[in-house]
Amino acid sequence: MTKIRIFIADDHAVLRAGLRLLLQTQDDMEVVGEAGDFAETLAQLQVVQPDILTLDLSMPGGLGLKAIEKIRDTAPALRVIVLTMHDDPAYLRTALAMGACGYVVKSVADTELISAIRAVSQGRVFVDARSSTTTLGTTAAQLTATIPAKWQIKKLSAREKEVLVLIAQGHTNQAVADRLDLSVKTVESYRSRLMDKLGLQNRADLTRFAIEHQLLDHGPSEPLL
């Protein structure tokens, strides 16, 4: 089993130890590093290259919410889960807009963090129960839509981008499958995953997203099948 590789960034050593203990009990997770300040976090991320970063934005030397954007610029594929004391919808929305993929309030970390890590590792956006969509008056798709397109696109695999472009060009699932030497079922799985990751509902939404973000300018140019 390939484990989810996690890095813990928090200036409280006791909390880091507790999180490490919690996560290491999960068969599908491993903690590959930890740091207590922002500079050390940035330095170690380049070395250990984790899949997930749990990030306390109040660490010494940090940039507050701007730290998320700085980290994502440095490691675009890294998925960031903000672990915070702030149970504030405005703070949450700003964190997502800066590029965070998850948001967990520390008071419920013992019950929510594991779910957050699994969801985010699969390309979904996770917001814990205390900052639920009911409280925010916002759907999951709307939350995903608050993430800038550059982060949404960067979290797609090369194959997902290929499928997205071909779908947006009007190819049927069978045509995409023939072109990429995949089964139709696999193409359908890719399409479902794309809609999940991008917070979209249907083929028309995928097409609109690709056009709005000029993905067709760089895609295959042969005639539609």
C-alpha atoms as a PDB file:
ATOM      1  CA  MET A   1       0.000   0.000   0.000  1.00  0.00           C
ATOM      2  CA  THR A   2       1.274   3.441  -0.951  1.00  0.00           C
ATOM      3  CA  LYS A   3       0.973   5.618   2.119  1.00  0.00           C
ATOM      4  CA  ILE A   4      -0.030   9.286   2.221  1.00  0.00           C
ATOM      5  CA  ARG A   5       3.113  11.213   3.170  1.00  0.00           C
ATOM      6  CA  ILE A   6       2.373  14.005   5.647  1.00  0.00           C
ATOM      7  CA  PHE A   7       4.408  16.933   6.973  1.00  0.00           C
ATOM      8  CA  ILE A   8       3.315  18.697  10.191  1.00  0.00           C
ATOM      9  CA  ALA A   9       4.053  22.416  10.572  1.00  0.00           C
ATOM     10  CA  ASP A  10       3.139  23.825  14.000  1.00  0.00           C
ATOM     11  CA  ASP A  11       5.110  25.744  16.617  1.00  0.00           C
ATOM     12  CA  HIS A  12       3.672  23.734  19.535  1.00  0.00           C
ATOM     13  CA  ALA A  13       5.846  20.658  20.081  1.00  0.00           C
ATOM     14  CA  VAL A  14       3.218  18.912  22.208  1.00  0.00           C
ATOM     15  CA  LEU A  15       0.590  19.311  19.474  1.00  0.00           C
ATOM     16  CA  ARG A  16       3.024  18.055  16.822  1.00  0.00           C
ATOM     17  CA  ALA A  17       3.746  14.981  18.936  1.00  0.00           C
ATOM     18  CA  GLY A  18       0.032  14.322  19.398  1.00  0.00           C
ATOM     19  CA  LEU A  19      -0.681  14.696  15.684  1.00  0.00           C
ATOM     20  CA  ARG A  20       2.220  12.433  14.791  1.00  0.00           C
ATOM     21  CA  LEU A  21       0.925   9.751  17.175  1.00  0.00           C
ATOM     22  CA  LEU A  22      -2.601  10.080  15.784  1.00  0.00           C
ATOM     23  CA  LEU A  23      -1.538   9.859  12.148  1.00  0.00           C
ATOM     24  CA  GLN A  24       1.001   7.084  12.573  1.00  0.00           C
ATOM     25  CA  THR A  25      -1.759   4.776  13.835  1.00  0.00           C
ATOM     26  CA  GLN A  26      -3.363   4.906  10.378  1.00  0.00           C
ATOM     27  CA  ASP A  27      -2.299   2.145   8.000  1.00  0.00           C
ATOM     28  CA  ASP A  28      -2.455   4.439   4.970  1.00  0.00           C
ATOM     29  CA  MET A  29      -0.500   7.384   6.441  1.00  0.00           C
ATOM     30  CA  GLU A  30       3.034   8.226   7.499  1.00  0.00           C
ATOM     31  CA  VAL A  31       4.515  11.415   8.957  1.00  0.00           C
ATOM     32  CA  VAL A  32       7.681  12.223   7.011  1.00  0.00           C
ATOM     33  CA  GLY A  33       8.700  15.421   8.790  1.00  0.00           C
ATOM     34  CA  GLU A  34       7.767  18.294  11.035  1.00  0.00           C
ATOM     35  CA  ALA A  35       8.816  21.873  11.736  1.00  0.00           C
ATOM     36  CA  GLY A  36       8.069  24.602  14.244  1.00  0.00           C
ATOM     37  CA  ASP A  37       8.551  27.725  12.130  1.00  0.00           C
ATOM     38  CA  PHE A  38       7.871  28.888   8.592  1.00  0.00           C
ATOM     39  CA  ALA A  39      11.488  29.074   7.347  1.00  0.00           C
ATOM     40  CA  GLU A  40      12.241  25.535   8.494  1.00  0.00           C
ATOM     41  CA  THR A  41       8.996  24.320   6.943  1.00  0.00           C
ATOM     42  CA  LEU A  42       9.899  25.747   3.536  1.00  0.00           C
ATOM     43  CA  ALA A  43      13.406  24.288   3.696  1.00  0.00           C
ATOM     44  CA  GLN A  44      12.270  20.797   4.688  1.00  0.00           C
ATOM     45  CA  LEU A  45       9.441  20.631   2.179  1.00  0.00           C
ATOM     46  CA  GLN A  46      12.010  20.782  -0.609  1.00  0.00           C
ATOM     47  CA  VAL A  47      13.845  17.814   0.892  1.00  0.00           C
ATOM     48  CA  VAL A  48      11.083  15.411   1.967  1.00  0.00           C
ATOM     49  CA  GLN A  49       8.471  16.366  -0.679  1.00  0.00           C
ATOM     50  CA  PRO A  50       5.340  15.202   1.198  1.00  0.00           C
ATOM     51  CA  ASP A  51       1.892  14.752  -0.300  1.00  0.00           C
ATOM     52  CA  ILE A  52       0.070  16.689   2.429  1.00  0.00           C
ATOM     53  CA  LEU A  53       1.076  19.603   4.660  1.00  0.00           C
ATOM     54  CA  THR A  54      -0.876  20.370   7.836  1.00  0.00           C
ATOM     55  CA  LEU A  55      -0.160  24.049   8.412  1.00  0.00           C
ATOM     56  CA  ASP A  56      -0.546  26.303  11.441  1.00  0.00           C
ATOM     57  CA  LEU A  57      -0.577  29.832  10.027  1.00  0.00           C
ATOM     58  CA  SER A  58       0.451  31.377  13.375  1.00  0.00           C
ATOM     59  CA  MET A  59       3.979  29.921  13.406  1.00  0.00           C
ATOM     60  CA  PRO A  60       6.968  32.230  14.027  1.00  0.00           C
ATOM     61  CA  GLY A  61       8.331  33.765  10.849  1.00  0.00           C
ATOM     62  CA  GLY A  62       5.117  33.073   9.004  1.00  0.00           C
ATOM     63  CA  LEU A  63       3.183  35.291   6.629  1.00  0.00           C
ATOM     64  CA  GLY A  64      -0.275  34.522   7.915  1.00  0.00           C
ATOM     65  CA  LEU A  65      -2.638  33.474   5.152  1.00  0.00           C
ATOM     66  CA  LYS A  66      -0.108  34.530   2.514  1.00  0.00           C
ATOM     67  CA  ALA A  67       2.064  31.619   3.669  1.00  0.00           C
ATOM     68  CA  ILE A  68      -0.286  29.276   1.793  1.00  0.00           C
ATOM     69  CA  GLU A  69       0.355  31.009  -1.525  1.00  0.00           C
ATOM     70  CA  LYS A  70       4.105  31.110  -0.857  1.00  0.00           C
ATOM     71  CA  ILE A  71       4.151  27.369  -0.163  1.00  0.00           C
ATOM     72  CA  ARG A  72       2.014  26.522  -3.189  1.00  0.00           C
ATOM     73  CA  ASP A  73       4.290  28.604  -5.432  1.00  0.00           C
ATOM     74  CA  THR A  74       7.263  26.658  -4.058  1.00  0.00           C
ATOM     75  CA  ALA A  75       5.587  23.228  -4.232  1.00  0.00           C
ATOM     76  CA  PRO A  76       2.589  23.361  -6.618  1.00  0.00           C
ATOM     77  CA  ALA A  77       1.656  19.695  -6.215  1.00  0.00           C
ATOM     78  CA  LEU A  78       1.577  19.885  -2.417  1.00  0.00           C
ATOM     79  CA  ARG A  79      -1.889  19.830  -0.847  1.00  0.00           C
ATOM     80  CA  VAL A  80      -2.225  22.147   2.144  1.00  0.00           C
ATOM     81  CA  ILE A  81      -4.601  21.597   5.055  1.00  0.00           C
ATOM     82  CA  VAL A  82      -4.876  24.607   7.345  1.00  0.00           C
ATOM     83  CA  LEU A  83      -5.031  23.530  10.993  1.00  0.00           C
ATOM     84  CA  THR A  84      -6.125  26.577  12.936  1.00  0.00           C
ATOM     85  CA  MET A  85      -7.814  28.078  15.989  1.00  0.00           C
ATOM     86  CA  HIS A  86      -9.889  30.361  13.732  1.00  0.00           C
ATOM     87  CA  ASP A  87     -13.465  29.124  13.322  1.00  0.00           C
ATOM     88  CA  ASP A  88     -14.264  32.023  11.003  1.00  0.00           C
ATOM     89  CA  PRO A  89     -16.012  31.742   7.588  1.00  0.00           C
ATOM     90  CA  ALA A  90     -14.121  34.757   6.195  1.00  0.00           C
ATOM     91  CA  TYR A  91     -10.789  33.265   7.277  1.00  0.00           C
ATOM     92  CA  LEU A  92     -11.802  29.951   5.711  1.00  0.00           C
ATOM     93  CA  ARG A  93     -12.744  31.478   2.376  1.00  0.00           C
ATOM     94  CA  THR A  94      -9.494  33.444   2.251  1.00  0.00           C
ATOM     95  CA  ALA A  95      -7.479  30.299   3.037  1.00  0.00           C
ATOM     96  CA  LEU A  96      -9.158  28.471   0.144  1.00  0.00           C
ATOM     97  CA  ALA A  97      -8.622  31.452  -2.148  1.00  0.00           C
ATOM     98  CA  MET A  98      -4.907  31.368  -1.286  1.00  0.00           C
ATOM     99  CA  GLY A  99      -4.700  27.736  -2.350  1.00  0.00           C
ATOM    100  CA  ALA A 100      -5.516  25.603   0.704  1.00  0.00           C
ATOM    101  CA  CYS A 101      -7.352  22.348  -0.025  1.00  0.00           C
ATOM    102  CA  GLY A 102      -8.548  21.693   3.519  1.00  0.00           C
ATOM    103  CA  TYR A 103      -9.512  23.580   6.669  1.00  0.00           C
ATOM    104  CA  VAL A 104      -9.714  22.010  10.133  1.00  0.00           C
ATOM    105  CA  VAL A 105     -10.225  23.779  13.459  1.00  0.00           C
ATOM    106  CA  LYS A 106      -7.761  22.470  16.061  1.00  0.00           C
ATOM    107  CA  SER A 107     -10.468  21.741  18.611  1.00  0.00           C
ATOM    108  CA  VAL A 108     -11.840  18.970  16.363  1.00  0.00           C
ATOM    109  CA  ALA A 109      -8.550  17.808  14.854  1.00  0.00           C
ATOM    110  CA  ASP A 110      -8.708  14.491  16.686  1.00  0.00           C
ATOM    111  CA  THR A 111     -11.910  13.551  14.849  1.00  0.00           C
ATOM    112  CA  GLU A 112     -11.679  15.508  11.590  1.00  0.00           C
ATOM    113  CA  LEU A 113      -8.024  15.597  10.520  1.00  0.00           C
ATOM    114  CA  ILE A 114      -7.797  11.999   9.332  1.00  0.00           C
ATOM    115  CA  SER A 115     -10.910  12.457   7.180  1.00  0.00           C
ATOM    116  CA  ALA A 116      -9.477  15.714   5.855  1.00  0.00           C
ATOM    117  CA  ILE A 117      -6.191  14.089   4.849  1.00  0.00           C
ATOM    118  CA  ARG A 118      -7.909  11.250   3.009  1.00  0.00           C
ATOM    119  CA  ALA A 119     -10.292  13.611   1.205  1.00  0.00           C
ATOM    120  CA  VAL A 120      -7.589  16.077   0.185  1.00  0.00           C
ATOM    121  CA  SER A 121      -5.258  13.293  -0.958  1.00  0.00           C
ATOM    122  CA  GLN A 122      -8.007  12.268  -3.405  1.00  0.00           C
ATOM    123  CA  GLY A 123      -8.244  15.783  -4.811  1.00  0.00           C
ATOM    124  CA  ARG A 124     -11.297  16.946  -2.877  1.00  0.00           C
ATOM    125  CA  VAL A 125     -11.771  20.071  -0.776  1.00  0.00           C
ATOM    126  CA  PHE A 126     -12.417  19.383   2.916  1.00  0.00           C
ATOM    127  CA  VAL A 127     -13.950  21.727   5.478  1.00  0.00           C
ATOM    128  CA  ASP A 128     -14.539  20.401   8.986  1.00  0.00           C
ATOM    129  CA  ALA A 129     -17.931  20.121  10.630  1.00  0.00           C
ATOM    130  CA  ARG A 130     -17.532  23.269  12.755  1.00  0.00           C
ATOM    131  CA  SER A 131     -17.135  25.333   9.599  1.00  0.00           C
ATOM    132  CA  SER A 132     -19.724  23.298   7.725  1.00  0.00           C
ATOM    133  CA  THR A 133     -21.434  24.399   4.561  1.00  0.00           C
ATOM    134  CA  THR A 134     -24.609  24.848   6.581  1.00  0.00           C
ATOM    135  CA  THR A 135     -22.890  27.503   8.706  1.00  0.00           C
ATOM    136  CA  LEU A 136     -21.371  29.121   5.639  1.00  0.00           C
ATOM    137  CA  GLY A 137     -24.499  28.941   3.524  1.00  0.00           C
ATOM    138  CA  THR A 138     -22.261  27.588   0.771  1.00  0.00           C
ATOM    139  CA  THR A 139     -22.222  24.334  -1.199  1.00  0.00           C
ATOM    140  CA  ALA A 140     -19.115  22.202  -1.595  1.00  0.00           C
ATOM    141  CA  ALA A 141     -18.957  23.128  -5.276  1.00  0.00           C
ATOM    142  CA  GLN A 142     -19.104  26.824  -4.413  1.00  0.00           C
ATOM    143  CA  LEU A 143     -16.278  26.377  -1.910  1.00  0.00           C
ATOM    144  CA  THR A 144     -14.167  24.654  -4.548  1.00  0.00           C
ATOM    145  CA  ALA A 145     -14.925  27.488  -6.947  1.00  0.00           C
ATOM    146  CA  THR A 146     -13.315  29.973  -4.552  1.00  0.00           C
ATOM    147  CA  ILE A 147      -9.929  28.337  -5.179  1.00  0.00           C
ATOM    148  CA  PRO A 148      -8.069  30.221  -7.939  1.00  0.00           C
ATOM    149  CA  ALA A 149      -8.012  28.400 -11.271  1.00  0.00           C
ATOM    150  CA  LYS A 150      -4.216  28.146 -11.254  1.00  0.00           C
ATOM    151  CA  TRP A 151      -4.385  25.937  -8.131  1.00  0.00           C
ATOM    152  CA  GLN A 152      -7.304  23.910  -9.468  1.00  0.00           C
ATOM    153  CA  ILE A 153      -5.437  23.219 -12.713  1.00  0.00           C
ATOM    154  CA  LYS A 154      -2.126  22.431 -10.993  1.00  0.00           C
ATOM    155  CA  LYS A 155      -3.709  19.692  -8.929  1.00  0.00           C
ATOM    156  CA  LEU A 156      -4.784  17.824 -12.087  1.00  0.00           C
ATOM    157  CA  SER A 157      -2.592  15.025 -13.396  1.00  0.00           C
ATOM    158  CA  ALA A 158      -1.292  15.158 -16.978  1.00  0.00           C
ATOM    159  CA  ARG A 159      -3.799  12.477 -18.000  1.00  0.00           C
ATOM    160  CA  GLU A 160      -6.687  14.335 -16.337  1.00  0.00           C
ATOM    161  CA  LYS A 161      -5.772  17.454 -18.316  1.00  0.00           C
ATOM    162  CA  GLU A 162      -5.738  15.433 -21.552  1.00  0.00           C
ATOM    163  CA  VAL A 163      -9.186  14.025 -20.822  1.00  0.00           C
ATOM    164  CA  LEU A 164     -10.505  17.473 -19.867  1.00  0.00           C
ATOM    165  CA  VAL A 165      -9.298  19.052 -23.102  1.00  0.00           C
ATOM    166  CA  LEU A 166     -10.716  16.277 -25.273  1.00  0.00           C
ATOM    167  CA  ILE A 167     -14.079  16.393 -23.505  1.00  0.00           C
ATOM    168  CA  ALA A 168     -14.172  20.178 -23.886  1.00  0.00           C
ATOM    169  CA  GLN A 169     -13.455  19.790 -27.610  1.00  0.00           C
ATOM    170  CA  GLY A 170     -16.639  17.743 -27.903  1.00  0.00           C
ATOM    171  CA  HIS A 171     -15.257  14.208 -28.097  1.00  0.00           C
ATOM    172  CA  THR A 172     -17.489  11.407 -26.847  1.00  0.00           C
ATOM    173  CA  ASN A 173     -16.286   9.106 -24.070  1.00  0.00           C
ATOM    174  CA  GLN A 174     -15.678   6.401 -26.683  1.00  0.00           C
ATOM    175  CA  ALA A 175     -13.653   8.791 -28.842  1.00  0.00           C
ATOM    176  CA  VAL A 176     -11.548   9.889 -25.853  1.00  0.00           C
ATOM    177  CA  ALA A 177     -11.001   6.241 -24.932  1.00  0.00           C
ATOM    178  CA  ASP A 178      -9.879   5.358 -28.480  1.00  0.00           C
ATOM    179  CA  ARG A 179      -7.589   8.340 -28.691  1.00  0.00           C
ATOM    180  CA  LEU A 180      -5.853   7.745 -25.345  1.00  0.00           C
ATOM    181  CA  ASP A 181      -5.933   3.932 -25.561  1.00  0.00           C
ATOM    182  CA  LEU A 182      -8.152   3.643 -22.483  1.00  0.00           C
ATOM    183  CA  SER A 183     -11.383   1.853 -21.714  1.00  0.00           C
ATOM    184  CA  VAL A 184     -14.631   3.828 -21.752  1.00  0.00           C
ATOM    185  CA  LYS A 185     -15.071   3.001 -18.063  1.00  0.00           C
ATOM    186  CA  THR A 186     -11.673   4.546 -17.304  1.00  0.00           C
ATOM    187  CA  VAL A 187     -12.580   7.698 -19.220  1.00  0.00           C
ATOM    188  CA  GLU A 188     -15.836   7.933 -17.277  1.00  0.00           C
ATOM    189  CA  SER A 189     -13.848   7.617 -14.041  1.00  0.00           C
ATOM    190  CA  TYR A 190     -11.540  10.426 -15.162  1.00  0.00           C
ATOM    191  CA  ARG A 191     -14.515  12.626 -16.022  1.00  0.00           C
ATOM    192  CA  SER A 192     -16.104  11.972 -12.622  1.00  0.00           C
ATOM    193  CA  ARG A 193     -12.805  12.739 -10.889  1.00  0.00           C
ATOM    194  CA  LEU A 194     -12.409  15.978 -12.849  1.00  0.00           C
ATOM    195  CA  MET A 195     -15.860  17.181 -11.829  1.00  0.00           C
ATOM    196  CA  ASP A 196     -15.105  16.279  -8.207  1.00  0.00           C
ATOM    197  CA  LYS A 197     -11.744  18.056  -8.158  1.00  0.00           C
ATOM    198  CA  LEU A 198     -12.998  21.170  -9.935  1.00  0.00           C
ATOM    199  CA  GLY A 199     -16.365  21.377  -8.187  1.00  0.00           C
ATOM    200  CA  LEU A 200     -18.257  21.052 -11.472  1.00  0.00           C
ATOM    201  CA  GLN A 201     -21.534  19.276 -12.224  1.00  0.00           C
ATOM    202  CA  ASN A 202     -21.542  18.100 -15.847  1.00  0.00           C
ATOM    203  CA  ARG A 203     -19.866  18.040 -19.275  1.00  0.00           C
ATOM    204  CA  ALA A 204     -21.027  21.575 -20.059  1.00  0.00           C
ATOM    205  CA  ASP A 205     -19.324  22.856 -16.895  1.00  0.00           C
ATOM    206  CA  LEU A 206     -16.093  21.063 -17.872  1.00  0.00           C
ATOM    207  CA  THR A 207     -16.225  22.641 -21.330  1.00  0.00           C
ATOM    208  CA  ARG A 208     -16.877  26.089 -19.893  1.00  0.00           C
ATOM    209  CA  PHE A 209     -13.983  25.717 -17.427  1.00  0.00           C
ATOM    210  CA  ALA A 210     -11.560  24.684 -20.189  1.00  0.00           C
ATOM    211  CA  ILE A 211     -12.606  27.582 -22.415  1.00  0.00           C
ATOM    212  CA  GLU A 212     -12.533  30.192 -19.642  1.00  0.00           C
ATOM    213  CA  HIS A 213      -9.027  29.139 -18.617  1.00  0.00           C
ATOM    214  CA  GLN A 214      -7.719  28.837 -22.187  1.00  0.00           C
ATOM    215  CA  LEU A 215      -6.847  25.146 -21.870  1.00  0.00           C
ATOM    216  CA  LEU A 216      -7.999  24.493 -25.428  1.00  0.00           C
ATOM    217  CA  ASP A 217      -5.241  26.749 -26.720  1.00  0.00           C
ATOM    218  CA  HIS A 218      -2.710  24.107 -25.697  1.00  0.00           C
ATOM    219  CA  GLY A 219      -4.659  20.929 -26.361  1.00  0.00           C
ATOM    220  CA  PRO A 220      -4.853  18.514 -29.301  1.00  0.00           C
ATOM    221  CA  SER A 221      -5.718  20.278 -32.541  1.00  0.00           C
ATOM    222  CA  GLU A 222      -6.992  17.430 -34.704  1.00  0.00           C
ATOM    223  CA  PRO A 223     -10.646  17.407 -35.857  1.00  0.00           C
ATOM    224  CA  LEU A 224     -13.320  16.120 -33.511  1.00  0.00           C
ATOM    225  CA  LEU A 225     -14.183  12.428 -33.791  1.00  0.00           C
END
